[in-house]
Amino acid sequence: MRNPQLEYQRQSVMNASPLKLVIKLYDLAIQASYREDDQRLREILSTLIKGLDFNHEPADQLFNLYRYCQDLSREKKFDEVREILDPLRDAWEASATQATMESASSG
């Protein structure tokens, strides 16, 4: 029998927009920083790096920030990682909210 919680999480990911997936990755990274799980944190940051589209301007800056956060994670500076990721996560959330509102008003 399937675990209902895991099934719910799987469906949540499968139905999420690309913006929501990025936010979920930020949430996971921030959670890993609170647990001081540097390996998991670096894996999530690698996933964020792999998802960057370098045809758009902020990708270079995000790449550098994610790499810097990976370095901070290796140094066990988890508070500093959160100081960087928290406002970025909030910016992605604001962007997703704006996109949802624009989509609703144009439909």
C-alpha atoms as a PDB file:
ATOM      1  CA  MET A   1       0.000   0.000   0.000  1.00  0.00           C
ATOM      2  CA  ARG A   2       1.251   3.474  -0.868  1.00  0.00           C
ATOM      3  CA  ASN A   3       2.032   6.015   1.776  1.00  0.00           C
ATOM      4  CA  PRO A   4      -0.714   8.685   1.460  1.00  0.00           C
ATOM      5  CA  GLN A   5       1.643  11.493   2.482  1.00  0.00           C
ATOM      6  CA  LEU A   6       4.211  10.517  -0.144  1.00  0.00           C
ATOM      7  CA  GLU A   7       1.484  10.227  -2.763  1.00  0.00           C
ATOM      8  CA  TYR A   8       0.208  13.698  -1.848  1.00  0.00           C
ATOM      9  CA  GLN A   9       3.725  15.133  -2.109  1.00  0.00           C
ATOM     10  CA  ARG A  10       4.269  13.417  -5.457  1.00  0.00           C
ATOM     11  CA  GLN A  11       1.005  14.830  -6.819  1.00  0.00           C
ATOM     12  CA  SER A  12       1.875  18.249  -5.455  1.00  0.00           C
ATOM     13  CA  VAL A  13       5.149  18.235  -7.388  1.00  0.00           C
ATOM     14  CA  MET A  14       3.594  16.782 -10.542  1.00  0.00           C
ATOM     15  CA  ASN A  15       0.914  19.498 -10.629  1.00  0.00           C
ATOM     16  CA  ALA A  16       3.133  22.425  -9.660  1.00  0.00           C
ATOM     17  CA  SER A  17       4.094  25.189 -12.071  1.00  0.00           C
ATOM     18  CA  PRO A  18       7.798  25.712 -12.802  1.00  0.00           C
ATOM     19  CA  LEU A  19       7.767  28.733 -10.466  1.00  0.00           C
ATOM     20  CA  LYS A  20       6.251  26.669  -7.658  1.00  0.00           C
ATOM     21  CA  LEU A  21       8.882  23.975  -8.201  1.00  0.00           C
ATOM     22  CA  VAL A  22      11.649  26.550  -7.774  1.00  0.00           C
ATOM     23  CA  ILE A  23       9.991  27.738  -4.556  1.00  0.00           C
ATOM     24  CA  LYS A  24       9.779  24.131  -3.324  1.00  0.00           C
ATOM     25  CA  LEU A  25      13.507  23.725  -3.978  1.00  0.00           C
ATOM     26  CA  TYR A  26      14.219  26.886  -1.994  1.00  0.00           C
ATOM     27  CA  ASP A  27      12.054  25.569   0.848  1.00  0.00           C
ATOM     28  CA  LEU A  28      13.970  22.287   0.832  1.00  0.00           C
ATOM     29  CA  ALA A  29      17.308  24.102   0.772  1.00  0.00           C
ATOM     30  CA  ILE A  30      16.323  26.319   3.687  1.00  0.00           C
ATOM     31  CA  GLN A  31      15.078  23.281   5.637  1.00  0.00           C
ATOM     32  CA  ALA A  32      18.390  21.512   4.966  1.00  0.00           C
ATOM     33  CA  SER A  33      20.253  24.562   6.260  1.00  0.00           C
ATOM     34  CA  TYR A  34      18.257  24.473   9.503  1.00  0.00           C
ATOM     35  CA  ARG A  35      19.087  20.757   9.862  1.00  0.00           C
ATOM     36  CA  GLU A  36      22.706  21.616   9.010  1.00  0.00           C
ATOM     37  CA  ASP A  37      22.632  18.936   6.325  1.00  0.00           C
ATOM     38  CA  ASP A  38      25.371  20.313   4.106  1.00  0.00           C
ATOM     39  CA  GLN A  39      25.309  17.414   1.647  1.00  0.00           C
ATOM     40  CA  ARG A  40      21.548  17.702   1.008  1.00  0.00           C
ATOM     41  CA  LEU A  41      21.820  21.493   0.805  1.00  0.00           C
ATOM     42  CA  ARG A  42      24.554  21.271  -1.827  1.00  0.00           C
ATOM     43  CA  GLU A  43      22.502  18.712  -3.810  1.00  0.00           C
ATOM     44  CA  ILE A  44      19.492  21.027  -3.869  1.00  0.00           C
ATOM     45  CA  LEU A  45      21.665  23.968  -4.893  1.00  0.00           C
ATOM     46  CA  SER A  46      23.090  21.805  -7.700  1.00  0.00           C
ATOM     47  CA  THR A  47      19.544  21.121  -8.864  1.00  0.00           C
ATOM     48  CA  LEU A  48      18.841  24.860  -8.889  1.00  0.00           C
ATOM     49  CA  ILE A  49      22.043  25.423 -10.876  1.00  0.00           C
ATOM     50  CA  LYS A  50      21.095  22.739 -13.425  1.00  0.00           C
ATOM     51  CA  GLY A  51      17.727  24.417 -13.903  1.00  0.00           C
ATOM     52  CA  LEU A  52      19.157  27.815 -14.801  1.00  0.00           C
ATOM     53  CA  ASP A  53      18.465  29.147 -18.281  1.00  0.00           C
ATOM     54  CA  PHE A  54      21.524  31.179 -19.227  1.00  0.00           C
ATOM     55  CA  ASN A  55      19.594  32.849 -22.050  1.00  0.00           C
ATOM     56  CA  HIS A  56      18.110  35.115 -19.389  1.00  0.00           C
ATOM     57  CA  GLU A  57      20.080  37.780 -17.572  1.00  0.00           C
ATOM     58  CA  PRO A  58      19.697  36.815 -13.897  1.00  0.00           C
ATOM     59  CA  ALA A  59      21.004  33.270 -14.490  1.00  0.00           C
ATOM     60  CA  ASP A  60      24.656  34.323 -14.167  1.00  0.00           C
ATOM     61  CA  GLN A  61      24.020  36.104 -10.876  1.00  0.00           C
ATOM     62  CA  LEU A  62      21.951  33.201  -9.529  1.00  0.00           C
ATOM     63  CA  PHE A  63      24.660  30.757 -10.586  1.00  0.00           C
ATOM     64  CA  ASN A  64      27.238  32.730  -8.607  1.00  0.00           C
ATOM     65  CA  LEU A  65      24.960  32.968  -5.565  1.00  0.00           C
ATOM     66  CA  TYR A  66      24.172  29.254  -5.606  1.00  0.00           C
ATOM     67  CA  ARG A  67      27.872  28.365  -5.917  1.00  0.00           C
ATOM     68  CA  TYR A  68      28.691  30.752  -3.073  1.00  0.00           C
ATOM     69  CA  CYS A  69      25.982  29.103  -0.941  1.00  0.00           C
ATOM     70  CA  GLN A  70      27.513  25.714  -1.714  1.00  0.00           C
ATOM     71  CA  ASP A  71      30.857  27.034  -0.470  1.00  0.00           C
ATOM     72  CA  LEU A  72      29.216  28.417   2.671  1.00  0.00           C
ATOM     73  CA  SER A  73      27.559  25.052   3.238  1.00  0.00           C
ATOM     74  CA  ARG A  74      30.920  23.285   3.078  1.00  0.00           C
ATOM     75  CA  GLU A  75      32.133  25.754   5.690  1.00  0.00           C
ATOM     76  CA  LYS A  76      29.055  25.021   7.853  1.00  0.00           C
ATOM     77  CA  LYS A  77      27.888  28.649   7.640  1.00  0.00           C
ATOM     78  CA  PHE A  78      24.210  27.790   7.469  1.00  0.00           C
ATOM     79  CA  ASP A  79      22.961  31.108   8.879  1.00  0.00           C
ATOM     80  CA  GLU A  80      24.677  32.939   6.022  1.00  0.00           C
ATOM     81  CA  VAL A  81      23.131  30.564   3.493  1.00  0.00           C
ATOM     82  CA  ARG A  82      19.670  31.361   4.876  1.00  0.00           C
ATOM     83  CA  GLU A  83      20.413  35.106   4.750  1.00  0.00           C
ATOM     84  CA  ILE A  84      20.925  34.694   1.003  1.00  0.00           C
ATOM     85  CA  LEU A  85      18.215  32.147   0.199  1.00  0.00           C
ATOM     86  CA  ASP A  86      15.349  33.568   2.303  1.00  0.00           C
ATOM     87  CA  PRO A  87      14.960  36.828   0.338  1.00  0.00           C
ATOM     88  CA  LEU A  88      15.447  35.002  -2.972  1.00  0.00           C
ATOM     89  CA  ARG A  89      12.709  32.545  -2.026  1.00  0.00           C
ATOM     90  CA  ASP A  90      10.421  35.437  -1.124  1.00  0.00           C
ATOM     91  CA  ALA A  91      11.126  37.087  -4.483  1.00  0.00           C
ATOM     92  CA  TRP A  92      10.233  33.863  -6.342  1.00  0.00           C
ATOM     93  CA  GLU A  93       7.050  33.595  -4.255  1.00  0.00           C
ATOM     94  CA  ALA A  94       6.108  37.192  -5.114  1.00  0.00           C
ATOM     95  CA  SER A  95       6.744  36.457  -8.790  1.00  0.00           C
ATOM     96  CA  ALA A  96       4.548  33.354  -8.652  1.00  0.00           C
ATOM     97  CA  THR A  97       1.773  35.280  -6.918  1.00  0.00           C
ATOM     98  CA  GLN A  98       1.958  38.042  -9.520  1.00  0.00           C
ATOM     99  CA  ALA A  99       1.894  35.522 -12.364  1.00  0.00           C
ATOM    100  CA  THR A 100      -1.152  33.822 -10.844  1.00  0.00           C
ATOM    101  CA  MET A 101      -2.960  37.161 -10.461  1.00  0.00           C
ATOM    102  CA  GLU A 102      -2.133  38.201 -14.041  1.00  0.00           C
ATOM    103  CA  SER A 103      -3.305  34.838 -15.339  1.00  0.00           C
ATOM    104  CA  ALA A 104      -6.563  35.088 -13.420  1.00  0.00           C
ATOM    105  CA  SER A 105      -7.268  38.642 -14.598  1.00  0.00           C
ATOM    106  CA  SER A 106      -6.584  37.828 -18.258  1.00  0.00           C
ATOM    107  CA  GLY A 107      -8.754  34.694 -18.223  1.00  0.00           C
END
